[in-house]
Amino acid sequence: MFQTQKGFTLVELVVVIVLLGILGVTALGRFQDLSGDAQAAANTGVASELSSASSINYAARVLDPTSAIALTANGIACTSLVDGTATSLLTVALPTTDYTVTGTGACTTNGPGSTFTCTIAENPAVAGVADGTATILCTP
């Protein structure tokens, strides 16, 4: 009489475990440390937000020179554009515990419509993580 098999042999189980181990080790390298990529994306996102706010501010000043924030002086500190005060381009302050903002504008020297850049980096700095760069428009 024939007997039917009701399970897996030890060899089959060992082969499957070895194959899963190989796949696991291969996939682990792809997911090992994505925190640097996430921080670089956050830096770029904040810089994009600041650039967009600057463009909106510039358009508002072109339409009505008494509205929005005047960016017409030399020595405009990028930190003042993200501090959440009345002269800030961002309505909510960028947390200084998480980000460092550097850069200074020279709008008097270069005139309306000229640009300067602000650099957004993580705080504390992490080697190999890309900083974000925001382009700020000097207003008329």
Protein backbone atom coordinates (compact mmCIF):
# COMPACT_ATOMS: atom_id res chain seq x y z
CA MET A 1 0.00 0.00 0.00
CA PHE A 2 1.19 3.53 -0.75
CA GLN A 3 1.79 6.00 2.05
CA THR A 4 1.13 9.67 1.41
CA GLN A 5 3.53 12.32 2.66
CA LYS A 6 2.08 14.60 5.33
CA GLY A 7 4.66 17.37 5.77
CA PHE A 8 8.07 18.53 4.69
CA THR A 9 11.32 16.71 4.99
CA LEU A 10 14.20 18.11 6.99
CA VAL A 11 16.15 18.83 3.79
CA GLU A 12 13.29 20.86 2.33
CA LEU A 13 12.99 22.92 5.51
CA VAL A 14 16.74 23.64 5.62
CA VAL A 15 16.77 24.71 1.95
CA VAL A 16 13.88 27.12 2.53
CA ILE A 17 15.53 28.60 5.65
CA VAL A 18 18.82 29.11 3.78
CA LEU A 19 17.05 30.80 0.87
CA LEU A 20 15.13 33.11 3.24
CA GLY A 21 18.40 33.97 5.01
CA ILE A 22 20.07 34.90 1.71
CA LEU A 23 17.09 37.06 0.71
CA GLY A 24 17.03 38.71 4.14
CA VAL A 25 20.71 39.64 4.06
CA THR A 26 20.36 41.02 0.52
CA ALA A 27 17.31 43.13 1.39
CA LEU A 28 18.76 44.37 4.68
CA GLY A 29 21.36 46.51 2.92
CA ARG A 30 18.65 48.47 1.14
CA PHE A 31 16.82 49.42 4.33
CA GLN A 32 19.75 49.78 6.69
CA ASP A 33 20.07 53.55 7.17
CA LEU A 34 17.54 55.74 5.46
CA SER A 35 17.65 58.44 8.15
CA GLY A 36 20.24 60.46 6.18
CA ASP A 37 18.02 60.42 3.09
CA ALA A 38 15.02 61.43 5.18
CA GLN A 39 16.92 64.35 6.73
CA ALA A 40 18.16 65.52 3.32
CA ALA A 41 14.56 65.45 2.06
CA ALA A 42 13.43 67.45 5.10
CA ASN A 43 16.16 70.05 4.47
CA THR A 44 15.09 70.35 0.84
CA GLY A 45 11.43 70.61 1.85
CA VAL A 46 12.07 73.47 4.27
CA ALA A 47 14.21 75.25 1.67
CA SER A 48 11.45 74.84 -0.94
CA GLU A 49 8.90 76.24 1.50
CA LEU A 50 11.11 79.27 2.12
CA SER A 51 11.67 79.79 -1.63
CA SER A 52 7.93 79.61 -2.30
CA ALA A 53 7.19 82.06 0.51
CA SER A 54 9.75 84.43 -0.98
CA SER A 55 8.11 84.23 -4.41
CA ILE A 56 4.68 84.93 -2.93
CA ASN A 57 6.12 87.84 -0.93
CA TYR A 58 7.76 89.27 -4.07
CA ALA A 59 4.51 89.03 -6.06
CA ALA A 60 2.57 90.75 -3.27
CA ARG A 61 5.10 93.62 -3.16
CA VAL A 62 4.94 94.05 -6.95
CA LEU A 63 1.14 94.32 -6.82
CA ASP A 64 1.06 96.58 -3.76
CA PRO A 65 4.36 98.12 -2.56
CA THR A 66 2.87 98.74 0.89
CA SER A 67 1.99 95.10 1.50
CA ALA A 68 4.05 92.06 2.42
CA ILE A 69 7.62 92.23 3.71
CA ALA A 70 10.19 94.60 2.22
CA LEU A 71 13.45 92.84 1.42
CA THR A 72 15.40 95.87 0.21
CA ALA A 73 18.38 96.21 2.55
CA ASN A 74 21.88 94.81 2.65
CA GLY A 75 22.71 92.36 5.41
CA ILE A 76 19.35 90.59 5.56
CA ALA A 77 20.00 87.57 7.75
CA CYS A 78 18.34 84.38 6.60
CA THR A 79 17.61 83.54 10.23
CA SER A 80 15.24 86.54 10.39
CA LEU A 81 13.23 85.12 7.48
CA VAL A 82 12.34 81.93 9.37
CA ASP A 83 11.88 83.08 12.97
CA GLY A 84 8.07 83.45 12.83
CA THR A 85 8.07 87.18 13.69
CA ALA A 86 6.36 89.95 11.72
CA THR A 87 9.39 90.23 9.39
CA SER A 88 9.51 86.50 8.73
CA LEU A 89 8.48 84.86 5.45
CA LEU A 90 7.28 81.81 7.40
CA THR A 91 4.22 82.21 9.61
CA VAL A 92 5.46 79.54 12.01
CA ALA A 93 9.04 79.72 13.24
CA LEU A 94 11.44 77.06 12.03
CA PRO A 95 12.60 75.14 15.13
CA THR A 96 16.21 76.14 15.76
CA THR A 97 16.77 72.93 17.70
CA ASP A 98 16.22 70.96 14.48
CA TYR A 99 17.62 73.26 11.77
CA THR A 100 20.42 75.76 11.22
CA VAL A 101 19.79 78.58 8.73
CA THR A 102 22.71 80.51 7.26
CA GLY A 103 23.16 83.19 4.63
CA THR A 104 22.91 86.94 4.18
CA GLY A 105 21.31 89.01 1.44
CA ALA A 106 22.57 92.14 -0.30
CA CYS A 107 19.40 93.63 -1.79
CA THR A 108 20.49 97.31 -1.80
CA THR A 109 23.63 96.50 -3.75
CA ASN A 110 22.00 94.17 -6.26
CA GLY A 111 18.56 95.79 -6.56
CA PRO A 112 14.96 94.56 -6.75
CA GLY A 113 14.46 91.20 -8.40
CA SER A 114 17.96 90.01 -7.52
CA THR A 115 18.35 86.88 -5.44
CA PHE A 116 20.38 85.54 -2.60
CA THR A 117 20.49 82.10 -1.06
CA CYS A 118 19.84 80.71 2.37
CA THR A 119 21.18 77.32 3.41
CA ILE A 120 19.07 74.98 5.53
CA ALA A 121 20.97 72.28 7.42
CA GLU A 122 20.06 69.86 10.17
CA ASN A 123 21.04 70.62 13.73
CA PRO A 124 23.26 68.99 14.83
CA ALA A 125 25.04 68.58 11.52
CA VAL A 126 25.38 65.08 10.13
CA ALA A 127 28.19 64.27 7.72
CA GLY A 128 27.05 63.33 4.24
CA VAL A 129 23.53 64.78 4.53
CA ALA A 130 22.74 67.31 1.80
CA ASP A 131 21.69 70.79 2.85
CA GLY A 132 18.69 72.56 1.35
CA THR A 133 19.17 75.82 -0.55
CA ALA A 134 16.42 78.44 -0.67
CA THR A 135 16.45 81.23 -3.24
CA ILE A 136 15.18 84.53 -1.84
CA LEU A 137 13.98 87.39 -4.08
CA CYS A 138 14.79 90.98 -3.19
CA THR A 139 11.60 93.05 -3.35
CA PRO A 140 10.98 96.41 -5.00
